[in-house]
Amino acid sequence: MGCCGQQRATLVQNKTTSASTHQSADSLVNIRFTQTSAVMVRGPVTGKHYQFHGTANTQRVDSRDAAALVKSGYFQRA
């Protein structure tokens, strides 16, 4: 029987492994901000922050966030 410290370590390891498998190069898509101003948005699914401005108006974002960003009308797939 393991102690609770070992169980906690196993739980943390499983969460880390699970999170890293969700983010792969295949799950990233190019999104372009269609406005001229600078903006920082928070991905509604991942919580990740994306900053768009000037010449950096196109970025690779998580596909789960991309769907909602495109739906807003301010972004489009690039």
PDB file of N, CA and C in Angstrom:
ATOM      1  N   MET A   1       0.842  -1.174   0.000  1.00  0.00           N
ATOM      2  CA  MET A   1       0.000   0.000   0.000  1.00  0.00           C
ATOM      3  C   MET A   1       0.888   1.239   0.000  1.00  0.00           C
ATOM      4  N   GLY A   2       0.677   2.146  -0.958  1.00  0.00           N
ATOM      5  CA  GLY A   2       1.495   3.346  -1.053  1.00  0.00           C
ATOM      6  C   GLY A   2       0.964   4.448  -0.160  1.00  0.00           C
ATOM      7  N   CYS A   3       1.844   5.381   0.139  1.00  0.00           N
ATOM      8  CA  CYS A   3       1.408   6.506   0.958  1.00  0.00           C
ATOM      9  C   CYS A   3       0.748   7.564   0.080  1.00  0.00           C
ATOM     10  N   CYS A   4       0.088   8.516   0.694  1.00  0.00           N
ATOM     11  CA  CYS A   4      -0.649   9.517  -0.079  1.00  0.00           C
ATOM     12  C   CYS A   4       0.286  10.393  -0.904  1.00  0.00           C
ATOM     13  N   GLY A   5       1.535  10.547  -0.512  1.00  0.00           N
ATOM     14  CA  GLY A   5       2.495  11.318  -1.303  1.00  0.00           C
ATOM     15  C   GLY A   5       2.760  10.671  -2.652  1.00  0.00           C
ATOM     16  N   GLN A   6       2.844   9.338  -2.674  1.00  0.00           N
ATOM     17  CA  GLN A   6       3.051   8.632  -3.938  1.00  0.00           C
ATOM     18  C   GLN A   6       1.823   8.751  -4.826  1.00  0.00           C
ATOM     19  N   GLN A   7       0.651   8.669  -4.242  1.00  0.00           N
ATOM     20  CA  GLN A   7      -0.574   8.797  -5.023  1.00  0.00           C
ATOM     21  C   GLN A   7      -0.678  10.196  -5.623  1.00  0.00           C
ATOM     22  N   ARG A   8      -0.303  11.211  -4.860  1.00  0.00           N
ATOM     23  CA  ARG A   8      -0.338  12.586  -5.345  1.00  0.00           C
ATOM     24  C   ARG A   8       0.631  12.762  -6.508  1.00  0.00           C
ATOM     25  N   ALA A   9       1.828  12.196  -6.393  1.00  0.00           N
ATOM     26  CA  ALA A   9       2.817  12.292  -7.463  1.00  0.00           C
ATOM     27  C   ALA A   9       2.318  11.615  -8.735  1.00  0.00           C
ATOM     28  N   THR A  10       1.670  10.486  -8.597  1.00  0.00           N
ATOM     29  CA  THR A  10       1.109   9.779  -9.751  1.00  0.00           C
ATOM     30  C   THR A  10       0.013  10.606 -10.399  1.00  0.00           C
ATOM     31  N   LEU A  11      -0.830  11.230  -9.603  1.00  0.00           N
ATOM     32  CA  LEU A  11      -1.907  12.071 -10.120  1.00  0.00           C
ATOM     33  C   LEU A  11      -1.338  13.252 -10.910  1.00  0.00           C
ATOM     34  N   VAL A  12      -0.332  13.919 -10.364  1.00  0.00           N
ATOM     35  CA  VAL A  12       0.292  15.051 -11.051  1.00  0.00           C
ATOM     36  C   VAL A  12       0.925  14.590 -12.357  1.00  0.00           C
ATOM     37  N   GLN A  13       1.593  13.464 -12.351  1.00  0.00           N
ATOM     38  CA  GLN A  13       2.224  12.932 -13.554  1.00  0.00           C
ATOM     39  C   GLN A  13       1.173  12.624 -14.616  1.00  0.00           C
ATOM     40  N   ASN A  14       0.053  12.037 -14.232  1.00  0.00           N
ATOM     41  CA  ASN A  14      -1.006  11.721 -15.183  1.00  0.00           C
ATOM     42  C   ASN A  14      -1.616  12.975 -15.786  1.00  0.00           C
ATOM     43  N   LYS A  15      -1.794  14.034 -14.996  1.00  0.00           N
ATOM     44  CA  LYS A  15      -2.332  15.284 -15.509  1.00  0.00           C
ATOM     45  C   LYS A  15      -1.375  15.907 -16.513  1.00  0.00           C
ATOM     46  N   THR A  16      -0.087  15.878 -16.220  1.00  0.00           N
ATOM     47  CA  THR A  16       0.913  16.438 -17.119  1.00  0.00           C
ATOM     48  C   THR A  16       0.928  15.688 -18.437  1.00  0.00           C
ATOM     49  N   THR A  17       0.904  14.387 -18.387  1.00  0.00           N
ATOM     50  CA  THR A  17       0.893  13.570 -19.594  1.00  0.00           C
ATOM     51  C   THR A  17      -0.368  13.839 -20.402  1.00  0.00           C
ATOM     52  N   SER A  18      -1.487  13.922 -19.743  1.00  0.00           N
ATOM     53  CA  SER A  18      -2.751  14.171 -20.417  1.00  0.00           C
ATOM     54  C   SER A  18      -2.750  15.527 -21.103  1.00  0.00           C
ATOM     55  N   ALA A  19      -2.260  16.563 -20.457  1.00  0.00           N
ATOM     56  CA  ALA A  19      -2.240  17.904 -21.034  1.00  0.00           C
ATOM     57  C   ALA A  19      -1.318  17.975 -22.239  1.00  0.00           C
ATOM     58  N   SER A  20      -0.190  17.301 -22.185  1.00  0.00           N
ATOM     59  CA  SER A  20       0.754  17.377 -23.297  1.00  0.00           C
ATOM     60  C   SER A  20       0.249  16.615 -24.526  1.00  0.00           C
ATOM     61  N   THR A  21      -0.583  15.610 -24.329  1.00  0.00           N
ATOM     62  CA  THR A  21      -1.102  14.883 -25.478  1.00  0.00           C
ATOM     63  C   THR A  21      -2.201  15.655 -26.188  1.00  0.00           C
ATOM     64  N   HIS A  22      -2.840  16.594 -25.502  1.00  0.00           N
ATOM     65  CA  HIS A  22      -3.894  17.393 -26.128  1.00  0.00           C
ATOM     66  C   HIS A  22      -3.332  18.445 -27.069  1.00  0.00           C
ATOM     67  N   GLN A  23      -2.117  18.902 -26.853  1.00  0.00           N
ATOM     68  CA  GLN A  23      -1.529  19.954 -27.668  1.00  0.00           C
ATOM     69  C   GLN A  23      -0.481  19.351 -28.595  1.00  0.00           C
ATOM     70  N   SER A  24      -0.801  19.263 -29.860  1.00  0.00           N
ATOM     71  CA  SER A  24       0.156  18.785 -30.840  1.00  0.00           C
ATOM     72  C   SER A  24       0.158  19.742 -32.012  1.00  0.00           C
ATOM     73  N   ALA A  25       1.111  19.584 -32.901  1.00  0.00           N
ATOM     74  CA  ALA A  25       1.207  20.470 -34.067  1.00  0.00           C
ATOM     75  C   ALA A  25      -0.043  20.364 -34.931  1.00  0.00           C
ATOM     76  N   ASP A  26      -0.696  19.211 -34.935  1.00  0.00           N
ATOM     77  CA  ASP A  26      -1.905  19.020 -35.734  1.00  0.00           C
ATOM     78  C   ASP A  26      -3.087  19.813 -35.182  1.00  0.00           C
ATOM     79  N   SER A  27      -3.059  20.155 -33.908  1.00  0.00           N
ATOM     80  CA  SER A  27      -4.188  20.863 -33.320  1.00  0.00           C
ATOM     81  C   SER A  27      -4.025  22.382 -33.399  1.00  0.00           C
ATOM     82  N   LEU A  28      -2.993  22.853 -34.077  1.00  0.00           N
ATOM     83  CA  LEU A  28      -2.776  24.284 -34.248  1.00  0.00           C
ATOM     84  C   LEU A  28      -3.199  24.710 -35.649  1.00  0.00           C
ATOM     85  N   VAL A  29      -3.867  25.844 -35.736  1.00  0.00           N
ATOM     86  CA  VAL A  29      -4.286  26.381 -37.026  1.00  0.00           C
ATOM     87  C   VAL A  29      -3.888  27.850 -37.113  1.00  0.00           C
ATOM     88  N   ASN A  30      -3.701  28.339 -38.330  1.00  0.00           N
ATOM     89  CA  ASN A  30      -3.369  29.747 -38.539  1.00  0.00           C
ATOM     90  C   ASN A  30      -4.649  30.573 -38.526  1.00  0.00           C
ATOM     91  N   ILE A  31      -4.633  31.621 -37.713  1.00  0.00           N
ATOM     92  CA  ILE A  31      -5.753  32.546 -37.595  1.00  0.00           C
ATOM     93  C   ILE A  31      -5.228  33.954 -37.852  1.00  0.00           C
ATOM     94  N   ARG A  32      -5.996  34.729 -38.624  1.00  0.00           N
ATOM     95  CA  ARG A  32      -5.604  36.117 -38.922  1.00  0.00           C
ATOM     96  C   ARG A  32      -6.628  37.063 -38.315  1.00  0.00           C
ATOM     97  N   PHE A  33      -6.132  38.084 -37.610  1.00  0.00           N
ATOM     98  CA  PHE A  33      -6.970  39.138 -37.052  1.00  0.00           C
ATOM     99  C   PHE A  33      -7.260  40.116 -38.177  1.00  0.00           C
ATOM    100  N   THR A  34      -8.511  40.419 -38.430  1.00  0.00           N
ATOM    101  CA  THR A  34      -8.894  41.212 -39.602  1.00  0.00           C
ATOM    102  C   THR A  34      -8.912  42.718 -39.350  1.00  0.00           C
ATOM    103  N   GLN A  35      -8.672  43.152 -38.141  1.00  0.00           N
ATOM    104  CA  GLN A  35      -8.692  44.573 -37.810  1.00  0.00           C
ATOM    105  C   GLN A  35      -7.274  45.142 -37.802  1.00  0.00           C
ATOM    106  N   THR A  36      -7.145  46.475 -37.787  1.00  0.00           N
ATOM    107  CA  THR A  36      -5.816  47.105 -37.809  1.00  0.00           C
ATOM    108  C   THR A  36      -5.275  47.405 -36.416  1.00  0.00           C
ATOM    109  N   SER A  37      -6.123  47.394 -35.409  1.00  0.00           N
ATOM    110  CA  SER A  37      -5.685  47.696 -34.050  1.00  0.00           C
ATOM    111  C   SER A  37      -5.003  46.485 -33.415  1.00  0.00           C
ATOM    112  N   ALA A  38      -4.335  46.734 -32.312  1.00  0.00           N
ATOM    113  CA  ALA A  38      -3.719  45.648 -31.555  1.00  0.00           C
ATOM    114  C   ALA A  38      -4.749  45.071 -30.592  1.00  0.00           C
ATOM    115  N   VAL A  39      -4.668  43.769 -30.374  1.00  0.00           N
ATOM    116  CA  VAL A  39      -5.613  43.123 -29.466  1.00  0.00           C
ATOM    117  C   VAL A  39      -4.955  41.913 -28.812  1.00  0.00           C
ATOM    118  N   MET A  40      -5.333  41.673 -27.568  1.00  0.00           N
ATOM    119  CA  MET A  40      -4.935  40.440 -26.891  1.00  0.00           C
ATOM    120  C   MET A  40      -6.228  39.747 -26.506  1.00  0.00           C
ATOM    121  N   VAL A  41      -6.354  38.497 -26.903  1.00  0.00           N
ATOM    122  CA  VAL A  41      -7.559  37.733 -26.598  1.00  0.00           C
ATOM    123  C   VAL A  41      -7.181  36.489 -25.811  1.00  0.00           C
ATOM    124  N   ARG A  42      -8.129  36.039 -25.037  1.00  0.00           N
ATOM    125  CA  ARG A  42      -7.943  34.808 -24.263  1.00  0.00           C
ATOM    126  C   ARG A  42      -8.741  33.716 -24.947  1.00  0.00           C
ATOM    127  N   GLY A  43      -8.080  32.611 -25.248  1.00  0.00           N
ATOM    128  CA  GLY A  43      -8.761  31.482 -25.872  1.00  0.00           C
ATOM    129  C   GLY A  43      -9.864  30.975 -24.960  1.00  0.00           C
ATOM    130  N   PRO A  44     -11.088  30.888 -25.455  1.00  0.00           N
ATOM    131  CA  PRO A  44     -12.200  30.486 -24.599  1.00  0.00           C
ATOM    132  C   PRO A  44     -12.145  29.045 -24.110  1.00  0.00           C
ATOM    133  N   VAL A  45     -11.415  28.199 -24.797  1.00  0.00           N
ATOM    134  CA  VAL A  45     -11.325  26.794 -24.387  1.00  0.00           C
ATOM    135  C   VAL A  45     -10.061  26.540 -23.573  1.00  0.00           C
ATOM    136  N   THR A  46      -8.909  26.978 -24.090  1.00  0.00           N
ATOM    137  CA  THR A  46      -7.640  26.682 -23.430  1.00  0.00           C
ATOM    138  C   THR A  46      -7.244  27.712 -22.384  1.00  0.00           C
ATOM    139  N   GLY A  47      -7.780  28.929 -22.500  1.00  0.00           N
ATOM    140  CA  GLY A  47      -7.386  29.994 -21.579  1.00  0.00           C
ATOM    141  C   GLY A  47      -6.076  30.655 -21.966  1.00  0.00           C
ATOM    142  N   LYS A  48      -5.479  30.217 -23.054  1.00  0.00           N
ATOM    143  CA  LYS A  48      -4.209  30.778 -23.506  1.00  0.00           C
ATOM    144  C   LYS A  48      -4.443  32.173 -24.084  1.00  0.00           C
ATOM    145  N   HIS A  49      -3.473  33.078 -23.870  1.00  0.00           N
ATOM    146  CA  HIS A  49      -3.570  34.438 -24.400  1.00  0.00           C
ATOM    147  C   HIS A  49      -2.871  34.516 -25.755  1.00  0.00           C
ATOM    148  N   TYR A  50      -3.527  35.176 -26.699  1.00  0.00           N
ATOM    149  CA  TYR A  50      -2.980  35.385 -28.038  1.00  0.00           C
ATOM    150  C   TYR A  50      -2.961  36.887 -28.301  1.00  0.00           C
ATOM    151  N   GLN A  51      -1.835  37.385 -28.796  1.00  0.00           N
ATOM    152  CA  GLN A  51      -1.709  38.810 -29.070  1.00  0.00           C
ATOM    153  C   GLN A  51      -1.532  39.019 -30.570  1.00  0.00           C
ATOM    154  N   PHE A  52      -2.336  39.894 -31.133  1.00  0.00           N
ATOM    155  CA  PHE A  52      -2.289  40.223 -32.554  1.00  0.00           C
ATOM    156  C   PHE A  52      -2.074  41.725 -32.679  1.00  0.00           C
ATOM    157  N   HIS A  53      -1.165  42.137 -33.587  1.00  0.00           N
ATOM    158  CA  HIS A  53      -0.927  43.560 -33.817  1.00  0.00           C
ATOM    159  C   HIS A  53      -0.096  43.754 -35.072  1.00  0.00           C
ATOM    160  N   GLY A  54      -0.308  44.871 -35.747  1.00  0.00           N
ATOM    161  CA  GLY A  54       0.506  45.264 -36.895  1.00  0.00           C
ATOM    162  C   GLY A  54       0.866  44.124 -37.819  1.00  0.00           C
ATOM    163  N   THR A  55       2.157  43.847 -37.916  1.00  0.00           N
ATOM    164  CA  THR A  55       2.628  42.780 -38.811  1.00  0.00           C
ATOM    165  C   THR A  55       2.435  41.391 -38.211  1.00  0.00           C
ATOM    166  N   ALA A  56       2.107  41.336 -36.946  1.00  0.00           N
ATOM    167  CA  ALA A  56       1.865  40.034 -36.289  1.00  0.00           C
ATOM    168  C   ALA A  56       0.369  39.782 -36.189  1.00  0.00           C
ATOM    169  N   ASN A  57      -0.335  39.918 -37.320  1.00  0.00           N
ATOM    170  CA  ASN A  57      -1.779  39.723 -37.281  1.00  0.00           C
ATOM    171  C   ASN A  57      -2.197  38.286 -37.580  1.00  0.00           C
ATOM    172  N   THR A  58      -1.228  37.408 -37.853  1.00  0.00           N
ATOM    173  CA  THR A  58      -1.519  35.995 -38.086  1.00  0.00           C
ATOM    174  C   THR A  58      -0.712  35.154 -37.096  1.00  0.00           C
ATOM    175  N   GLN A  59      -1.380  34.217 -36.464  1.00  0.00           N
ATOM    176  CA  GLN A  59      -0.728  33.336 -35.489  1.00  0.00           C
ATOM    177  C   GLN A  59      -1.300  31.935 -35.586  1.00  0.00           C
ATOM    178  N   ARG A  60      -0.522  30.995 -35.042  1.00  0.00           N
ATOM    179  CA  ARG A  60      -1.013  29.628 -34.899  1.00  0.00           C
ATOM    180  C   ARG A  60      -1.662  29.545 -33.518  1.00  0.00           C
ATOM    181  N   VAL A  61      -2.919  29.127 -33.513  1.00  0.00           N
ATOM    182  CA  VAL A  61      -3.651  29.005 -32.264  1.00  0.00           C
ATOM    183  C   VAL A  61      -4.252  27.605 -32.165  1.00  0.00           C
ATOM    184  N   ASP A  62      -4.562  27.210 -30.975  1.00  0.00           N
ATOM    185  CA  ASP A  62      -5.187  25.916 -30.744  1.00  0.00           C
ATOM    186  C   ASP A  62      -6.507  25.866 -31.519  1.00  0.00           C
ATOM    187  N   SER A  63      -6.754  24.790 -32.214  1.00  0.00           N
ATOM    188  CA  SER A  63      -7.952  24.688 -33.049  1.00  0.00           C
ATOM    189  C   SER A  63      -9.234  24.799 -32.232  1.00  0.00           C
ATOM    190  N   ARG A  64      -9.176  24.411 -30.964  1.00  0.00           N
ATOM    191  CA  ARG A  64     -10.363  24.520 -30.112  1.00  0.00           C
ATOM    192  C   ARG A  64     -10.699  25.986 -29.840  1.00  0.00           C
ATOM    193  N   ASP A  65      -9.678  26.835 -29.726  1.00  0.00           N
ATOM    194  CA  ASP A  65      -9.897  28.270 -29.550  1.00  0.00           C
ATOM    195  C   ASP A  65     -10.261  28.919 -30.887  1.00  0.00           C
ATOM    196  N   ALA A  66      -9.668  28.441 -31.960  1.00  0.00           N
ATOM    197  CA  ALA A  66      -9.855  29.053 -33.280  1.00  0.00           C
ATOM    198  C   ALA A  66     -11.316  29.093 -33.696  1.00  0.00           C
ATOM    199  N   ALA A  67     -12.054  28.050 -33.442  1.00  0.00           N
ATOM    200  CA  ALA A  67     -13.461  27.999 -33.849  1.00  0.00           C
ATOM    201  C   ALA A  67     -14.246  29.167 -33.252  1.00  0.00           C
ATOM    202  N   ALA A  68     -14.052  29.433 -31.980  1.00  0.00           N
ATOM    203  CA  ALA A  68     -14.770  30.526 -31.321  1.00  0.00           C
ATOM    204  C   ALA A  68     -14.265  31.887 -31.799  1.00  0.00           C
ATOM    205  N   LEU A  69     -12.960  32.017 -32.038  1.00  0.00           N
ATOM    206  CA  LEU A  69     -12.415  33.290 -32.506  1.00  0.00           C
ATOM    207  C   LEU A  69     -12.954  33.635 -33.889  1.00  0.00           C
ATOM    208  N   VAL A  70     -12.994  32.676 -34.781  1.00  0.00           N
ATOM    209  CA  VAL A  70     -13.522  32.906 -36.129  1.00  0.00           C
ATOM    210  C   VAL A  70     -15.006  33.279 -36.064  1.00  0.00           C
ATOM    211  N   LYS A  71     -15.716  32.625 -35.178  1.00  0.00           N
ATOM    212  CA  LYS A  71     -17.153  32.890 -35.019  1.00  0.00           C
ATOM    213  C   LYS A  71     -17.416  34.331 -34.584  1.00  0.00           C
ATOM    214  N   SER A  72     -16.450  34.969 -33.918  1.00  0.00           N
ATOM    215  CA  SER A  72     -16.632  36.347 -33.439  1.00  0.00           C
ATOM    216  C   SER A  72     -16.716  37.350 -34.589  1.00  0.00           C
ATOM    217  N   GLY A  73     -16.188  36.985 -35.767  1.00  0.00           N
ATOM    218  CA  GLY A  73     -16.206  37.887 -36.911  1.00  0.00           C
ATOM    219  C   GLY A  73     -14.951  38.733 -37.042  1.00  0.00           C
ATOM    220  N   TYR A  74     -14.086  38.738 -36.047  1.00  0.00           N
ATOM    221  CA  TYR A  74     -12.857  39.529 -36.092  1.00  0.00           C
ATOM    222  C   TYR A  74     -11.651  38.729 -36.572  1.00  0.00           C
ATOM    223  N   PHE A  75     -11.813  37.440 -36.739  1.00  0.00           N
ATOM    224  CA  PHE A  75     -10.729  36.555 -37.137  1.00  0.00           C
ATOM    225  C   PHE A  75     -11.188  35.701 -38.312  1.00  0.00           C
ATOM    226  N   GLN A  76     -10.205  35.230 -39.087  1.00  0.00           N
ATOM    227  CA  GLN A  76     -10.504  34.262 -40.137  1.00  0.00           C
ATOM    228  C   GLN A  76      -9.339  33.305 -40.258  1.00  0.00           C
ATOM    229  N   ARG A  77      -9.641  32.126 -40.748  1.00  0.00           N
ATOM    230  CA  ARG A  77      -8.569  31.140 -40.943  1.00  0.00           C
ATOM    231  C   ARG A  77      -7.646  31.647 -42.047  1.00  0.00           C
ATOM    232  N   ALA A  78      -6.361  31.499 -41.814  1.00  0.00           N
ATOM    233  CA  ALA A  78      -5.377  31.991 -42.781  1.00  0.00           C
ATOM    234  C   ALA A  78      -4.781  30.841 -43.565  1.00  0.00           C
TER     235      ALA A  78
END
